[in-house]
PDB file of N, CA and C in Angstrom:
ATOM      1  N   MET A   1     -19.240   0.083  -1.772  1.00  0.00           N
ATOM      2  CA  MET A   1     -17.894   0.489  -1.442  1.00  0.00           C
ATOM      3  C   MET A   1     -17.212  -0.639  -0.684  1.00  0.00           C
ATOM      4  N   THR A   2     -15.968  -0.904  -1.037  1.00  0.00           N
ATOM      5  CA  THR A   2     -15.157  -1.907  -0.372  1.00  0.00           C
ATOM      6  C   THR A   2     -13.939  -1.216   0.213  1.00  0.00           C
ATOM      7  N   SER A   3     -13.590  -1.567   1.440  1.00  0.00           N
ATOM      8  CA  SER A   3     -12.415  -0.955   2.060  1.00  0.00           C
ATOM      9  C   SER A   3     -11.576  -2.023   2.740  1.00  0.00           C
ATOM     10  N   ALA A   4     -10.292  -1.699   2.909  1.00  0.00           N
ATOM     11  CA  ALA A   4      -9.379  -2.648   3.541  1.00  0.00           C
ATOM     12  C   ALA A   4      -8.171  -1.910   4.097  1.00  0.00           C
ATOM     13  N   TYR A   5      -7.572  -2.491   5.125  1.00  0.00           N
ATOM     14  CA  TYR A   5      -6.267  -2.057   5.602  1.00  0.00           C
ATOM     15  C   TYR A   5      -5.263  -3.053   5.047  1.00  0.00           C
ATOM     16  N   ILE A   6      -4.206  -2.557   4.430  1.00  0.00           N
ATOM     17  CA  ILE A   6      -3.207  -3.425   3.817  1.00  0.00           C
ATOM     18  C   ILE A   6      -1.873  -3.170   4.502  1.00  0.00           C
ATOM     19  N   LEU A   7      -1.282  -4.237   5.032  1.00  0.00           N
ATOM     20  CA  LEU A   7       0.030  -4.166   5.661  1.00  0.00           C
ATOM     21  C   LEU A   7       1.085  -4.362   4.576  1.00  0.00           C
ATOM     22  N   ILE A   8       2.110  -3.532   4.597  1.00  0.00           N
ATOM     23  CA  ILE A   8       3.106  -3.537   3.533  1.00  0.00           C
ATOM     24  C   ILE A   8       4.506  -3.649   4.137  1.00  0.00           C
ATOM     25  N   GLN A   9       5.305  -4.571   3.581  1.00  0.00           N
ATOM     26  CA  GLN A   9       6.706  -4.696   3.947  1.00  0.00           C
ATOM     27  C   GLN A   9       7.518  -4.075   2.813  1.00  0.00           C
ATOM     28  N   MET A  10       8.531  -3.277   3.186  1.00  0.00           N
ATOM     29  CA  MET A  10       9.346  -2.588   2.193  1.00  0.00           C
ATOM     30  C   MET A  10      10.819  -2.949   2.366  1.00  0.00           C
ATOM     31  N   ASN A  11      11.567  -2.760   1.291  1.00  0.00           N
ATOM     32  CA  ASN A  11      13.017  -2.869   1.309  1.00  0.00           C
ATOM     33  C   ASN A  11      13.531  -1.723   0.453  1.00  0.00           C
ATOM     34  N   ALA A  12      13.766  -0.582   1.094  1.00  0.00           N
ATOM     35  CA  ALA A  12      14.161   0.605   0.354  1.00  0.00           C
ATOM     36  C   ALA A  12      15.087   1.457   1.212  1.00  0.00           C
ATOM     37  N   PRO A  13      16.108   2.041   0.596  1.00  0.00           N
ATOM     38  CA  PRO A  13      17.000   2.907   1.369  1.00  0.00           C
ATOM     39  C   PRO A  13      16.291   4.155   1.895  1.00  0.00           C
ATOM     40  N   ASP A  14      15.308   4.662   1.151  1.00  0.00           N
ATOM     41  CA  ASP A  14      14.546   5.833   1.585  1.00  0.00           C
ATOM     42  C   ASP A  14      13.052   5.514   1.514  1.00  0.00           C
ATOM     43  N   PRO A  15      12.469   5.049   2.613  1.00  0.00           N
ATOM     44  CA  PRO A  15      11.053   4.667   2.589  1.00  0.00           C
ATOM     45  C   PRO A  15      10.113   5.819   2.262  1.00  0.00           C
ATOM     46  N   ARG A  16      10.555   7.059   2.432  1.00  0.00           N
ATOM     47  CA  ARG A  16       9.690   8.209   2.123  1.00  0.00           C
ATOM     48  C   ARG A  16       9.341   8.249   0.638  1.00  0.00           C
ATOM     49  N   LYS A  17      10.282   7.862  -0.209  1.00  0.00           N
ATOM     50  CA  LYS A  17      10.006   7.834  -1.654  1.00  0.00           C
ATOM     51  C   LYS A  17       8.986   6.745  -1.983  1.00  0.00           C
ATOM     52  N   VAL A  18       9.124   5.599  -1.328  1.00  0.00           N
ATOM     53  CA  VAL A  18       8.161   4.515  -1.533  1.00  0.00           C
ATOM     54  C   VAL A  18       6.790   4.951  -1.048  1.00  0.00           C
ATOM     55  N   MET A  19       6.744   5.628   0.090  1.00  0.00           N
ATOM     56  CA  MET A  19       5.466   6.096   0.639  1.00  0.00           C
ATOM     57  C   MET A  19       4.781   7.066  -0.318  1.00  0.00           C
ATOM     58  N   ALA A  20       5.537   7.933  -0.949  1.00  0.00           N
ATOM     59  CA  ALA A  20       4.939   8.884  -1.893  1.00  0.00           C
ATOM     60  C   ALA A  20       4.287   8.140  -3.051  1.00  0.00           C
ATOM     61  N   THR A  21       4.920   7.084  -3.522  1.00  0.00           N
ATOM     62  CA  THR A  21       4.361   6.290  -4.619  1.00  0.00           C
ATOM     63  C   THR A  21       3.134   5.519  -4.155  1.00  0.00           C
ATOM     64  N   ILE A  22       3.200   4.942  -2.960  1.00  0.00           N
ATOM     65  CA  ILE A  22       2.059   4.213  -2.401  1.00  0.00           C
ATOM     66  C   ILE A  22       0.846   5.137  -2.274  1.00  0.00           C
ATOM     67  N   ARG A  23       1.064   6.333  -1.778  1.00  0.00           N
ATOM     68  CA  ARG A  23      -0.042   7.283  -1.582  1.00  0.00           C
ATOM     69  C   ARG A  23      -0.675   7.716  -2.901  1.00  0.00           C
ATOM     70  N   ALA A  24       0.075   7.593  -3.995  1.00  0.00           N
ATOM     71  CA  ALA A  24      -0.432   7.996  -5.312  1.00  0.00           C
ATOM     72  C   ALA A  24      -1.227   6.892  -6.010  1.00  0.00           C
ATOM     73  N   VAL A  25      -1.206   5.676  -5.475  1.00  0.00           N
ATOM     74  CA  VAL A  25      -1.935   4.554  -6.087  1.00  0.00           C
ATOM     75  C   VAL A  25      -3.438   4.802  -5.947  1.00  0.00           C
ATOM     76  N   ALA A  26      -4.161   4.568  -7.020  1.00  0.00           N
ATOM     77  CA  ALA A  26      -5.618   4.757  -7.019  1.00  0.00           C
ATOM     78  C   ALA A  26      -6.270   3.914  -5.929  1.00  0.00           C
ATOM     79  N   GLY A  27      -7.106   4.533  -5.130  1.00  0.00           N
ATOM     80  CA  GLY A  27      -7.820   3.836  -4.068  1.00  0.00           C
ATOM     81  C   GLY A  27      -7.192   4.014  -2.698  1.00  0.00           C
ATOM     82  N   VAL A  28      -5.912   4.367  -2.645  1.00  0.00           N
ATOM     83  CA  VAL A  28      -5.247   4.553  -1.353  1.00  0.00           C
ATOM     84  C   VAL A  28      -5.701   5.890  -0.771  1.00  0.00           C
ATOM     85  N   LYS A  29      -6.343   5.829   0.372  1.00  0.00           N
ATOM     86  CA  LYS A  29      -6.830   7.030   1.040  1.00  0.00           C
ATOM     87  C   LYS A  29      -5.836   7.555   2.070  1.00  0.00           C
ATOM     88  N   GLN A  30      -5.123   6.614   2.731  1.00  0.00           N
ATOM     89  CA  GLN A  30      -4.116   6.976   3.722  1.00  0.00           C
ATOM     90  C   GLN A  30      -3.036   5.915   3.712  1.00  0.00           C
ATOM     91  N   ALA A  31      -1.806   6.323   4.018  1.00  0.00           N
ATOM     92  CA  ALA A  31      -0.709   5.377   4.190  1.00  0.00           C
ATOM     93  C   ALA A  31       0.235   5.957   5.233  1.00  0.00           C
ATOM     94  N   HIS A  32       0.652   5.105   6.172  1.00  0.00           N
ATOM     95  CA  HIS A  32       1.485   5.561   7.283  1.00  0.00           C
ATOM     96  C   HIS A  32       2.641   4.595   7.500  1.00  0.00           C
ATOM     97  N   LEU A  33       3.829   5.166   7.799  1.00  0.00           N
ATOM     98  CA  LEU A  33       4.969   4.345   8.176  1.00  0.00           C
ATOM     99  C   LEU A  33       4.752   3.796   9.580  1.00  0.00           C
ATOM    100  N   LEU A  34       5.242   2.591   9.824  1.00  0.00           N
ATOM    101  CA  LEU A  34       5.140   1.942  11.125  1.00  0.00           C
ATOM    102  C   LEU A  34       6.533   1.531  11.592  1.00  0.00           C
ATOM    103  N   VAL A  35       6.648   1.209  12.859  1.00  0.00           N
ATOM    104  CA  VAL A  35       7.876   0.685  13.426  1.00  0.00           C
ATOM    105  C   VAL A  35       7.597  -0.750  13.839  1.00  0.00           C
ATOM    106  N   GLY A  36       8.428  -1.682  13.375  1.00  0.00           N
ATOM    107  CA  GLY A  36       8.238  -3.090  13.702  1.00  0.00           C
ATOM    108  C   GLY A  36       8.331  -3.937  12.460  1.00  0.00           C
ATOM    109  N   PRO A  37       7.787  -5.155  12.498  1.00  0.00           N
ATOM    110  CA  PRO A  37       7.911  -6.056  11.351  1.00  0.00           C
ATOM    111  C   PRO A  37       7.157  -5.583  10.111  1.00  0.00           C
ATOM    112  N   THR A  38       6.138  -4.757  10.304  1.00  0.00           N
ATOM    113  CA  THR A  38       5.410  -4.180   9.175  1.00  0.00           C
ATOM    114  C   THR A  38       5.890  -2.742   9.004  1.00  0.00           C
ATOM    115  N   ASP A  39       6.204  -2.362   7.760  1.00  0.00           N
ATOM    116  CA  ASP A  39       6.778  -1.047   7.497  1.00  0.00           C
ATOM    117  C   ASP A  39       5.728   0.034   7.247  1.00  0.00           C
ATOM    118  N   CYS A  40       4.559  -0.379   6.745  1.00  0.00           N
ATOM    119  CA  CYS A  40       3.553   0.600   6.340  1.00  0.00           C
ATOM    120  C   CYS A  40       2.170  -0.026   6.453  1.00  0.00           C
ATOM    121  N   ILE A  41       1.188   0.809   6.747  1.00  0.00           N
ATOM    122  CA  ILE A  41      -0.204   0.384   6.670  1.00  0.00           C
ATOM    123  C   ILE A  41      -0.924   1.364   5.754  1.00  0.00           C
ATOM    124  N   ALA A  42      -1.684   0.830   4.828  1.00  0.00           N
ATOM    125  CA  ALA A  42      -2.434   1.658   3.885  1.00  0.00           C
ATOM    126  C   ALA A  42      -3.918   1.357   4.040  1.00  0.00           C
ATOM    127  N   TYR A  43      -4.723   2.420   4.064  1.00  0.00           N
ATOM    128  CA  TYR A  43      -6.172   2.276   4.073  1.00  0.00           C
ATOM    129  C   TYR A  43      -6.657   2.541   2.657  1.00  0.00           C
ATOM    130  N   VAL A  44      -7.411   1.571   2.123  1.00  0.00           N
ATOM    131  CA  VAL A  44      -7.836   1.608   0.724  1.00  0.00           C
ATOM    132  C   VAL A  44      -9.359   1.561   0.646  1.00  0.00           C
ATOM    133  N   GLU A  45      -9.933   2.363  -0.233  1.00  0.00           N
ATOM    134  CA  GLU A  45     -11.366   2.310  -0.541  1.00  0.00           C
ATOM    135  C   GLU A  45     -11.522   2.180  -2.050  1.00  0.00           C
ATOM    136  N   THR A  46     -12.326   1.204  -2.472  1.00  0.00           N
ATOM    137  CA  THR A  46     -12.592   0.999  -3.894  1.00  0.00           C
ATOM    138  C   THR A  46     -14.077   0.718  -4.086  1.00  0.00           C
ATOM    139  N   ASP A  47     -14.510   0.678  -5.345  1.00  0.00           N
ATOM    140  CA  ASP A  47     -15.923   0.452  -5.652  1.00  0.00           C
ATOM    141  C   ASP A  47     -16.370  -0.978  -5.395  1.00  0.00           C
ATOM    142  N   ASN A  48     -15.451  -1.948  -5.598  1.00  0.00           N
ATOM    143  CA  ASN A  48     -15.821  -3.359  -5.472  1.00  0.00           C
ATOM    144  C   ASN A  48     -14.579  -4.203  -5.214  1.00  0.00           C
ATOM    145  N   LEU A  49     -14.770  -5.510  -5.029  1.00  0.00           N
ATOM    146  CA  LEU A  49     -13.645  -6.399  -4.746  1.00  0.00           C
ATOM    147  C   LEU A  49     -12.666  -6.496  -5.915  1.00  0.00           C
ATOM    148  N   GLU A  50     -13.179  -6.436  -7.126  1.00  0.00           N
ATOM    149  CA  GLU A  50     -12.292  -6.515  -8.291  1.00  0.00           C
ATOM    150  C   GLU A  50     -11.322  -5.332  -8.317  1.00  0.00           C
ATOM    151  N   SER A  51     -11.832  -4.134  -8.084  1.00  0.00           N
ATOM    152  CA  SER A  51     -10.946  -2.970  -8.089  1.00  0.00           C
ATOM    153  C   SER A  51     -10.030  -2.954  -6.867  1.00  0.00           C
ATOM    154  N   LEU A  52     -10.465  -3.565  -5.769  1.00  0.00           N
ATOM    155  CA  LEU A  52      -9.582  -3.724  -4.610  1.00  0.00           C
ATOM    156  C   LEU A  52      -8.401  -4.607  -4.997  1.00  0.00           C
ATOM    157  N   GLY A  53      -8.672  -5.679  -5.703  1.00  0.00           N
ATOM    158  CA  GLY A  53      -7.601  -6.550  -6.186  1.00  0.00           C
ATOM    159  C   GLY A  53      -6.636  -5.808  -7.099  1.00  0.00           C
ATOM    160  N   ASP A  54      -7.175  -4.944  -7.956  1.00  0.00           N
ATOM    161  CA  ASP A  54      -6.324  -4.140  -8.837  1.00  0.00           C
ATOM    162  C   ASP A  54      -5.420  -3.209  -8.030  1.00  0.00           C
ATOM    163  N   THR A  55      -5.956  -2.653  -6.964  1.00  0.00           N
ATOM    164  CA  THR A  55      -5.162  -1.765  -6.111  1.00  0.00           C
ATOM    165  C   THR A  55      -4.052  -2.535  -5.418  1.00  0.00           C
ATOM    166  N   VAL A  56      -4.356  -3.736  -4.938  1.00  0.00           N
ATOM    167  CA  VAL A  56      -3.334  -4.563  -4.287  1.00  0.00           C
ATOM    168  C   VAL A  56      -2.229  -4.905  -5.287  1.00  0.00           C
ATOM    169  N   VAL A  57      -2.590  -5.263  -6.505  1.00  0.00           N
ATOM    170  CA  VAL A  57      -1.589  -5.557  -7.538  1.00  0.00           C
ATOM    171  C   VAL A  57      -0.731  -4.321  -7.796  1.00  0.00           C
ATOM    172  N   ALA A  58      -1.359  -3.147  -7.853  1.00  0.00           N
ATOM    173  CA  ALA A  58      -0.607  -1.905  -8.073  1.00  0.00           C
ATOM    174  C   ALA A  58       0.352  -1.639  -6.913  1.00  0.00           C
ATOM    175  N   LEU A  59      -0.088  -1.895  -5.687  1.00  0.00           N
ATOM    176  CA  LEU A  59       0.794  -1.699  -4.537  1.00  0.00           C
ATOM    177  C   LEU A  59       1.975  -2.658  -4.587  1.00  0.00           C
ATOM    178  N   ARG A  60       1.727  -3.894  -4.961  1.00  0.00           N
ATOM    179  CA  ARG A  60       2.807  -4.886  -5.035  1.00  0.00           C
ATOM    180  C   ARG A  60       3.822  -4.550  -6.121  1.00  0.00           C
ATOM    181  N   SER A  61       3.414  -3.768  -7.121  1.00  0.00           N
ATOM    182  CA  SER A  61       4.330  -3.426  -8.198  1.00  0.00           C
ATOM    183  C   SER A  61       5.167  -2.176  -7.912  1.00  0.00           C
ATOM    184  N   VAL A  62       4.902  -1.516  -6.783  1.00  0.00           N
ATOM    185  CA  VAL A  62       5.680  -0.325  -6.414  1.00  0.00           C
ATOM    186  C   VAL A  62       7.110  -0.755  -6.106  1.00  0.00           C
ATOM    187  N   ASN A  63       8.073  -0.052  -6.698  1.00  0.00           N
ATOM    188  CA  ASN A  63       9.482  -0.349  -6.455  1.00  0.00           C
ATOM    189  C   ASN A  63       9.800  -0.103  -4.983  1.00  0.00           C
ATOM    190  N   GLY A  64      10.287  -1.121  -4.296  1.00  0.00           N
ATOM    191  CA  GLY A  64      10.590  -1.037  -2.870  1.00  0.00           C
ATOM    192  C   GLY A  64       9.616  -1.813  -2.011  1.00  0.00           C
ATOM    193  N   VAL A  65       8.453  -2.182  -2.555  1.00  0.00           N
ATOM    194  CA  VAL A  65       7.492  -3.004  -1.812  1.00  0.00           C
ATOM    195  C   VAL A  65       7.889  -4.469  -1.968  1.00  0.00           C
ATOM    196  N   VAL A  66       8.068  -5.143  -0.853  1.00  0.00           N
ATOM    197  CA  VAL A  66       8.466  -6.556  -0.857  1.00  0.00           C
ATOM    198  C   VAL A  66       7.243  -7.464  -0.830  1.00  0.00           C
ATOM    199  N   SER A  67       6.272  -7.111   0.038  1.00  0.00           N
ATOM    200  CA  SER A  67       5.074  -7.951   0.144  1.00  0.00           C
ATOM    201  C   SER A  67       3.944  -7.162   0.786  1.00  0.00           C
ATOM    202  N   THR A  68       2.731  -7.689   0.622  1.00  0.00           N
ATOM    203  CA  THR A  68       1.551  -7.101   1.250  1.00  0.00           C
ATOM    204  C   THR A  68       0.808  -8.192   2.009  1.00  0.00           C
ATOM    205  N   ASP A  69       0.018  -7.773   2.968  1.00  0.00           N
ATOM    206  CA  ASP A  69      -0.774  -8.719   3.746  1.00  0.00           C
ATOM    207  C   ASP A  69      -2.113  -8.078   4.036  1.00  0.00           C
TER     208      ASP A  69
END
């Protein structure tokens, strides 16, 4: 099992809609809005590093996500 915390920056008029999409991405176990330079933190669990990479790519493709760290 591989796990990671992913910091997410968003640019969306309604971040709640983006959060709903983020939470639906395979591997995302939790996602929370934050206050400050980072808009969201997501906790991800996957089977291996390759699938973790797939999850990060899926998060980056969510409409409203600007970047991940």
